């Protein structure tokens, strides 16, 4: 059974940092891409970042230069380091796994999400 479990969310002040983790079980992380997505209240889910199986990375424009995606295949865990957070980053953050960095609708496996709240 494949499971993705996000952790590391919380409440942080504007300008602060958080590191999200996505612990994966039931599949070999080294063979999969991990996508990060977020959904703010009343808004559609949006892509944030992705790291491919070959460690290629991609970032949506609003987070470029502030967020860094990484992975530790030994620990079967992916990470999203988020720096210089702003209230606009407030959302539930999700990780997802699939063979490549795809659109959200194409991912087969999803975590349950972790809440990130940034106060002004």
C-alpha atoms as a PDB file:
ATOM      1  CA  UNK A   1       0.000   0.000   0.000  1.00  0.00           C
ATOM      2  CA  UNK A   2       1.429   3.338  -1.045  1.00  0.00           C
ATOM      3  CA  UNK A   3       1.335   6.116   1.524  1.00  0.00           C
ATOM      4  CA  UNK A   4       2.560   9.687   1.420  1.00  0.00           C
ATOM      5  CA  UNK A   5       2.564  11.558   4.710  1.00  0.00           C
ATOM      6  CA  UNK A   6       3.293  15.274   4.867  1.00  0.00           C
ATOM      7  CA  UNK A   7       4.544  16.962   7.988  1.00  0.00           C
ATOM      8  CA  UNK A   8       6.199  20.193   9.036  1.00  0.00           C
ATOM      9  CA  UNK A   9       3.371  22.617   8.512  1.00  0.00           C
ATOM     10  CA  UNK A  10       2.371  25.156  11.106  1.00  0.00           C
ATOM     11  CA  UNK A  11       1.956  28.813  11.933  1.00  0.00           C
ATOM     12  CA  UNK A  12       4.809  31.157  11.079  1.00  0.00           C
ATOM     13  CA  UNK A  13       5.208  34.903  10.847  1.00  0.00           C
ATOM     14  CA  UNK A  14       5.728  36.663   7.560  1.00  0.00           C
ATOM     15  CA  UNK A  15       9.369  36.350   6.520  1.00  0.00           C
ATOM     16  CA  UNK A  16       9.801  33.096   8.386  1.00  0.00           C
ATOM     17  CA  UNK A  17      10.662  29.616   7.173  1.00  0.00           C
ATOM     18  CA  UNK A  18       9.263  26.118   7.301  1.00  0.00           C
ATOM     19  CA  UNK A  19      10.449  22.795   5.944  1.00  0.00           C
ATOM     20  CA  UNK A  20       7.813  20.360   4.813  1.00  0.00           C
ATOM     21  CA  UNK A  21       8.540  16.655   4.633  1.00  0.00           C
ATOM     22  CA  UNK A  22       6.836  14.024   2.523  1.00  0.00           C
ATOM     23  CA  UNK A  23       7.522  10.539   3.859  1.00  0.00           C
ATOM     24  CA  UNK A  24       6.817   7.882   1.259  1.00  0.00           C
ATOM     25  CA  UNK A  25       6.160   4.190   1.840  1.00  0.00           C
ATOM     26  CA  UNK A  26       5.116   1.392  -0.475  1.00  0.00           C
ATOM     27  CA  UNK A  27       7.202   2.517  -3.428  1.00  0.00           C
ATOM     28  CA  UNK A  28      10.834   3.198  -4.240  1.00  0.00           C
ATOM     29  CA  UNK A  29      11.092   6.950  -4.093  1.00  0.00           C
ATOM     30  CA  UNK A  30      14.176   6.943  -6.325  1.00  0.00           C
ATOM     31  CA  UNK A  31      11.989   5.854  -9.245  1.00  0.00           C
ATOM     32  CA  UNK A  32       9.378   8.578  -8.818  1.00  0.00           C
ATOM     33  CA  UNK A  33       8.944  12.293  -9.160  1.00  0.00           C
ATOM     34  CA  UNK A  34       7.481  14.192  -6.227  1.00  0.00           C
ATOM     35  CA  UNK A  35       5.242  17.126  -6.896  1.00  0.00           C
ATOM     36  CA  UNK A  36       4.244  19.722  -4.342  1.00  0.00           C
ATOM     37  CA  UNK A  37       0.874  21.447  -4.583  1.00  0.00           C
ATOM     38  CA  UNK A  38      -1.124  23.812  -2.427  1.00  0.00           C
ATOM     39  CA  UNK A  39      -4.705  24.887  -2.025  1.00  0.00           C
ATOM     40  CA  UNK A  40      -5.740  28.068  -0.287  1.00  0.00           C
ATOM     41  CA  UNK A  41      -9.292  28.569   1.047  1.00  0.00           C
ATOM     42  CA  UNK A  42     -11.675  29.341  -1.772  1.00  0.00           C
ATOM     43  CA  UNK A  43      -9.032  28.822  -4.432  1.00  0.00           C
ATOM     44  CA  UNK A  44      -8.148  26.058  -6.834  1.00  0.00           C
ATOM     45  CA  UNK A  45      -5.252  23.727  -6.158  1.00  0.00           C
ATOM     46  CA  UNK A  46      -2.055  25.012  -7.710  1.00  0.00           C
ATOM     47  CA  UNK A  47       1.314  23.523  -8.460  1.00  0.00           C
ATOM     48  CA  UNK A  48       4.248  24.698  -6.396  1.00  0.00           C
ATOM     49  CA  UNK A  49       7.279  22.628  -7.271  1.00  0.00           C
ATOM     50  CA  UNK A  50       8.453  19.267  -8.492  1.00  0.00           C
ATOM     51  CA  UNK A  51      11.570  17.137  -8.315  1.00  0.00           C
ATOM     52  CA  UNK A  52      12.044  14.391 -10.858  1.00  0.00           C
ATOM     53  CA  UNK A  53      13.543  10.961 -10.310  1.00  0.00           C
ATOM     54  CA  UNK A  54      16.742  12.310 -11.859  1.00  0.00           C
ATOM     55  CA  UNK A  55      16.727  15.281  -9.457  1.00  0.00           C
ATOM     56  CA  UNK A  56      15.595  17.824 -11.984  1.00  0.00           C
ATOM     57  CA  UNK A  57      13.667  20.586 -10.264  1.00  0.00           C
ATOM     58  CA  UNK A  58      10.901  22.931 -11.294  1.00  0.00           C
ATOM     59  CA  UNK A  59       9.237  25.825  -9.475  1.00  0.00           C
ATOM     60  CA  UNK A  60       6.143  27.889 -10.060  1.00  0.00           C
ATOM     61  CA  UNK A  61       6.970  31.584 -10.474  1.00  0.00           C
ATOM     62  CA  UNK A  62       5.518  32.810  -7.127  1.00  0.00           C
ATOM     63  CA  UNK A  63       7.916  30.586  -5.167  1.00  0.00           C
ATOM     64  CA  UNK A  64      11.059  30.800  -7.283  1.00  0.00           C
ATOM     65  CA  UNK A  65      14.033  31.900  -5.234  1.00  0.00           C
ATOM     66  CA  UNK A  66      12.192  31.242  -1.958  1.00  0.00           C
ATOM     67  CA  UNK A  67      11.347  27.525  -2.036  1.00  0.00           C
ATOM     68  CA  UNK A  68      13.727  24.622  -2.547  1.00  0.00           C
ATOM     69  CA  UNK A  69      12.663  21.058  -3.253  1.00  0.00           C
ATOM     70  CA  UNK A  70      14.902  18.111  -2.443  1.00  0.00           C
ATOM     71  CA  UNK A  71      14.794  14.410  -1.809  1.00  0.00           C
ATOM     72  CA  UNK A  72      16.556  11.762   0.248  1.00  0.00           C
ATOM     73  CA  UNK A  73      16.055   8.428  -1.450  1.00  0.00           C
ATOM     74  CA  UNK A  74      17.654   6.546   1.433  1.00  0.00           C
ATOM     75  CA  UNK A  75      15.059   7.949   3.831  1.00  0.00           C
ATOM     76  CA  UNK A  76      12.339   7.721   1.157  1.00  0.00           C
ATOM     77  CA  UNK A  77      11.463  11.314   1.971  1.00  0.00           C
ATOM     78  CA  UNK A  78      11.104  14.485  -0.060  1.00  0.00           C
ATOM     79  CA  UNK A  79      11.328  17.992   1.318  1.00  0.00           C
ATOM     80  CA  UNK A  80      10.129  21.479   0.522  1.00  0.00           C
ATOM     81  CA  UNK A  81      12.160  24.190   2.191  1.00  0.00           C
ATOM     82  CA  UNK A  82      10.128  27.388   2.271  1.00  0.00           C
ATOM     83  CA  UNK A  83      11.860  30.664   3.089  1.00  0.00           C
ATOM     84  CA  UNK A  84      10.697  34.265   3.245  1.00  0.00           C
ATOM     85  CA  UNK A  85       7.095  33.169   3.618  1.00  0.00           C
ATOM     86  CA  UNK A  86       4.266  35.616   3.071  1.00  0.00           C
ATOM     87  CA  UNK A  87       0.548  35.473   3.945  1.00  0.00           C
ATOM     88  CA  UNK A  88      -0.102  34.604   0.286  1.00  0.00           C
ATOM     89  CA  UNK A  89       1.629  31.272   0.916  1.00  0.00           C
ATOM     90  CA  UNK A  90      -1.056  30.253   3.408  1.00  0.00           C
ATOM     91  CA  UNK A  91      -2.599  27.011   2.170  1.00  0.00           C
ATOM     92  CA  UNK A  92      -2.813  23.293   2.668  1.00  0.00           C
ATOM     93  CA  UNK A  93       0.276  21.795   1.063  1.00  0.00           C
ATOM     94  CA  UNK A  94       0.222  18.378  -0.559  1.00  0.00           C
ATOM     95  CA  UNK A  95       2.864  16.097  -1.980  1.00  0.00           C
ATOM     96  CA  UNK A  96       2.167  13.647  -4.771  1.00  0.00           C
ATOM     97  CA  UNK A  97       4.145  10.896  -6.489  1.00  0.00           C
ATOM     98  CA  UNK A  98       4.206   9.658 -10.060  1.00  0.00           C
ATOM     99  CA  UNK A  99       6.635   8.722 -12.815  1.00  0.00           C
ATOM    100  CA  UNK A 100       7.225  12.319 -13.811  1.00  0.00           C
ATOM    101  CA  UNK A 101       6.425  15.940 -13.064  1.00  0.00           C
ATOM    102  CA  UNK A 102       2.911  16.072 -14.410  1.00  0.00           C
ATOM    103  CA  UNK A 103      -0.207  18.157 -14.043  1.00  0.00           C
ATOM    104  CA  UNK A 104      -1.998  17.553 -10.751  1.00  0.00           C
ATOM    105  CA  UNK A 105      -4.783  15.454 -12.280  1.00  0.00           C
ATOM    106  CA  UNK A 106      -2.268  12.896 -13.523  1.00  0.00           C
ATOM    107  CA  UNK A 107      -0.651  12.013 -10.198  1.00  0.00           C
ATOM    108  CA  UNK A 108      -1.549   8.591  -8.865  1.00  0.00           C
ATOM    109  CA  UNK A 109      -0.553   8.991  -5.224  1.00  0.00           C
ATOM    110  CA  UNK A 110      -1.287  11.851  -2.821  1.00  0.00           C
ATOM    111  CA  UNK A 111      -0.657  12.727   0.776  1.00  0.00           C
ATOM    112  CA  UNK A 112      -3.290  14.033   3.153  1.00  0.00           C
ATOM    113  CA  UNK A 113      -1.886  17.558   3.277  1.00  0.00           C
ATOM    114  CA  UNK A 114      -0.359  19.776   5.915  1.00  0.00           C
ATOM    115  CA  UNK A 115      -1.571  23.252   6.834  1.00  0.00           C
ATOM    116  CA  UNK A 116       0.765  26.205   6.448  1.00  0.00           C
ATOM    117  CA  UNK A 117      -0.417  29.498   7.898  1.00  0.00           C
ATOM    118  CA  UNK A 118       1.621  32.678   7.547  1.00  0.00           C
ATOM    119  CA  UNK A 119       0.628  35.627   9.696  1.00  0.00           C
ATOM    120  CA  UNK A 120       1.334  39.210   8.691  1.00  0.00           C
END
